Amino acid sequence: MKKRLPIALLAFLLLLLSGCGEDHEELFTEATIEMDLADLNILEIQGTAKLRNINTLQEYTSAQDQGGIYHFQLLRGAYQITIEGRIKYMDEDEETSIKNFICYTDYADFSHKSGNHVKLKITLR
């Protein structure tokens, strides 16, 4: 009986600990934000994307973009998105212009485990 008790306690402890291995990856997701560049002949673009979780108010920022596309690893939920920066482009008259831009939405749903994608229209200022 005394030999069985430690074995039973060990088995119970292993069972208990294996149940604590909750998968936290399901709380997080990957999100892609794409700027709709509206047929602009872009020479150079530089911007910063800021995402704010509407419920927790946690913020994510990225200055890295790949041709107007940003990738984030973040908590699943609803987000407010602001992308601001400068753009250098060639206009219809073949003139080079430099302007500030903004892309904004007050609601983007990133609650899915995968496939979270939003495309935002660029506004030149």
Protein backbone atom coordinates (compact mmCIF):
# COMPACT_ATOMS: atom_id res chain seq x y z
CA MET A 1 0.00 0.00 0.00
CA LYS A 2 2.83 2.41 0.86
CA LYS A 3 4.48 1.81 -2.54
CA ARG A 4 1.25 2.48 -4.40
CA LEU A 5 0.61 5.85 -2.74
CA PRO A 6 3.69 7.64 -4.21
CA ILE A 7 2.97 6.14 -7.64
CA ALA A 8 -0.66 7.24 -7.43
CA LEU A 9 0.39 10.74 -6.29
CA LEU A 10 2.91 10.98 -9.13
CA ALA A 11 0.30 9.87 -11.68
CA PHE A 12 -2.20 12.39 -10.28
CA LEU A 13 0.41 15.17 -10.37
CA LEU A 14 1.32 14.38 -13.99
CA LEU A 15 -2.34 14.37 -14.96
CA LEU A 16 -2.88 17.68 -13.18
CA LEU A 17 0.14 19.34 -14.81
CA SER A 18 -0.74 18.11 -18.29
CA GLY A 19 -4.12 19.82 -17.95
CA CYS A 20 -2.40 23.15 -17.23
CA GLY A 21 -0.73 23.31 -20.62
CA GLU A 22 -3.35 25.67 -22.06
CA ASP A 23 -2.56 26.79 -25.58
CA HIS A 24 -2.10 30.56 -25.44
CA GLU A 25 -1.45 30.85 -29.16
CA GLU A 26 -5.20 30.94 -29.74
CA LEU A 27 -5.34 34.32 -28.02
CA PHE A 28 -3.04 35.84 -30.64
CA THR A 29 -3.35 36.25 -34.38
CA GLU A 30 -1.50 37.63 -37.36
CA ALA A 31 -2.92 40.71 -39.04
CA THR A 32 -2.02 42.28 -42.37
CA ILE A 33 -2.75 45.92 -43.10
CA GLU A 34 -2.48 47.08 -46.69
CA MET A 35 -2.60 50.66 -47.91
CA ASP A 36 -4.68 51.22 -51.06
CA LEU A 37 -2.24 53.39 -53.00
CA ALA A 38 -4.86 54.47 -55.57
CA ASP A 39 -2.86 54.10 -58.80
CA LEU A 40 -0.12 56.42 -57.55
CA ASN A 41 3.27 56.13 -59.23
CA ILE A 42 5.19 55.84 -55.97
CA LEU A 43 8.87 56.66 -55.86
CA GLU A 44 9.29 56.44 -52.10
CA ILE A 45 7.00 55.92 -49.12
CA GLN A 46 7.72 56.05 -45.41
CA GLY A 47 5.12 55.66 -42.71
CA THR A 48 4.31 54.43 -39.23
CA ALA A 49 1.34 52.21 -38.45
CA LYS A 50 -0.29 52.39 -35.03
CA LEU A 51 -2.90 49.88 -33.91
CA ARG A 52 -4.92 50.35 -30.73
CA ASN A 53 -7.01 47.57 -29.23
CA ILE A 54 -10.45 49.06 -28.62
CA ASN A 55 -11.09 46.95 -25.49
CA THR A 56 -7.69 46.86 -23.74
CA LEU A 57 -6.26 50.11 -25.19
CA GLN A 58 -2.99 48.26 -25.81
CA GLU A 59 -1.04 49.80 -28.70
CA TYR A 60 1.17 48.24 -31.36
CA THR A 61 3.44 50.35 -33.58
CA SER A 62 5.48 49.47 -36.65
CA ALA A 63 7.66 51.68 -38.82
CA GLN A 64 8.52 48.73 -41.04
CA ASP A 65 6.44 48.43 -44.16
CA GLN A 66 6.88 46.51 -47.38
CA GLY A 67 5.45 48.64 -50.15
CA GLY A 68 2.53 49.82 -48.05
CA ILE A 69 1.91 46.48 -46.29
CA TYR A 70 2.31 46.01 -42.54
CA HIS A 71 2.30 42.72 -40.62
CA PHE A 72 1.46 42.43 -36.92
CA GLN A 73 1.32 39.62 -34.34
CA LEU A 74 -1.29 40.77 -31.83
CA LEU A 75 -4.05 39.88 -29.42
CA ARG A 76 -7.26 38.94 -31.20
CA GLY A 77 -9.91 41.67 -31.08
CA ALA A 78 -11.13 44.96 -32.52
CA TYR A 79 -8.62 47.68 -33.40
CA GLN A 80 -8.38 51.32 -34.39
CA ILE A 81 -5.71 51.81 -37.09
CA THR A 82 -3.78 54.93 -38.04
CA ILE A 83 -0.97 55.02 -40.60
CA GLU A 84 0.78 58.35 -41.13
CA GLY A 85 3.82 59.31 -43.14
CA ARG A 86 5.27 60.93 -46.25
CA ILE A 87 5.03 59.84 -49.84
CA LYS A 88 7.08 60.84 -52.86
CA TYR A 89 5.32 60.14 -56.13
CA MET A 90 5.14 61.16 -59.77
CA ASP A 91 1.88 62.85 -60.73
CA GLU A 92 0.05 62.80 -64.08
CA ASP A 93 2.16 65.71 -65.41
CA GLU A 94 5.38 63.75 -64.69
CA GLU A 95 6.11 66.12 -61.80
CA THR A 96 7.59 64.76 -58.58
CA SER A 97 5.52 65.58 -55.50
CA ILE A 98 6.08 64.97 -51.81
CA LYS A 99 3.06 64.97 -49.51
CA ASN A 100 1.99 63.76 -46.10
CA PHE A 101 -0.57 60.97 -46.02
CA ILE A 102 -2.90 59.26 -43.59
CA CYS A 103 -4.82 55.99 -43.62
CA TYR A 104 -7.37 55.52 -40.84
CA THR A 105 -10.19 53.34 -39.61
CA ASP A 106 -11.83 53.39 -36.21
CA TYR A 107 -12.80 49.68 -36.42
CA ALA A 108 -10.95 46.68 -37.82
CA ASP A 109 -11.97 43.16 -36.77
CA PHE A 110 -8.91 41.00 -36.09
CA SER A 111 -10.76 38.34 -34.09
CA HIS A 112 -10.11 35.38 -36.41
CA LYS A 113 -7.34 32.84 -35.82
CA SER A 114 -5.97 33.55 -39.30
CA GLY A 115 -6.75 35.50 -42.46
CA ASN A 116 -7.06 38.90 -40.77
CA HIS A 117 -6.56 41.47 -43.53
CA VAL A 118 -7.69 45.04 -43.98
CA LYS A 119 -7.09 47.46 -46.87
CA LEU A 120 -7.18 51.18 -46.08
CA LYS A 121 -7.56 54.03 -48.56
CA ILE A 122 -4.73 56.56 -48.54
CA THR A 123 -5.57 60.25 -48.14
CA LEU A 124 -2.98 62.80 -49.26
CA ARG A 125 -2.72 66.05 -47.28
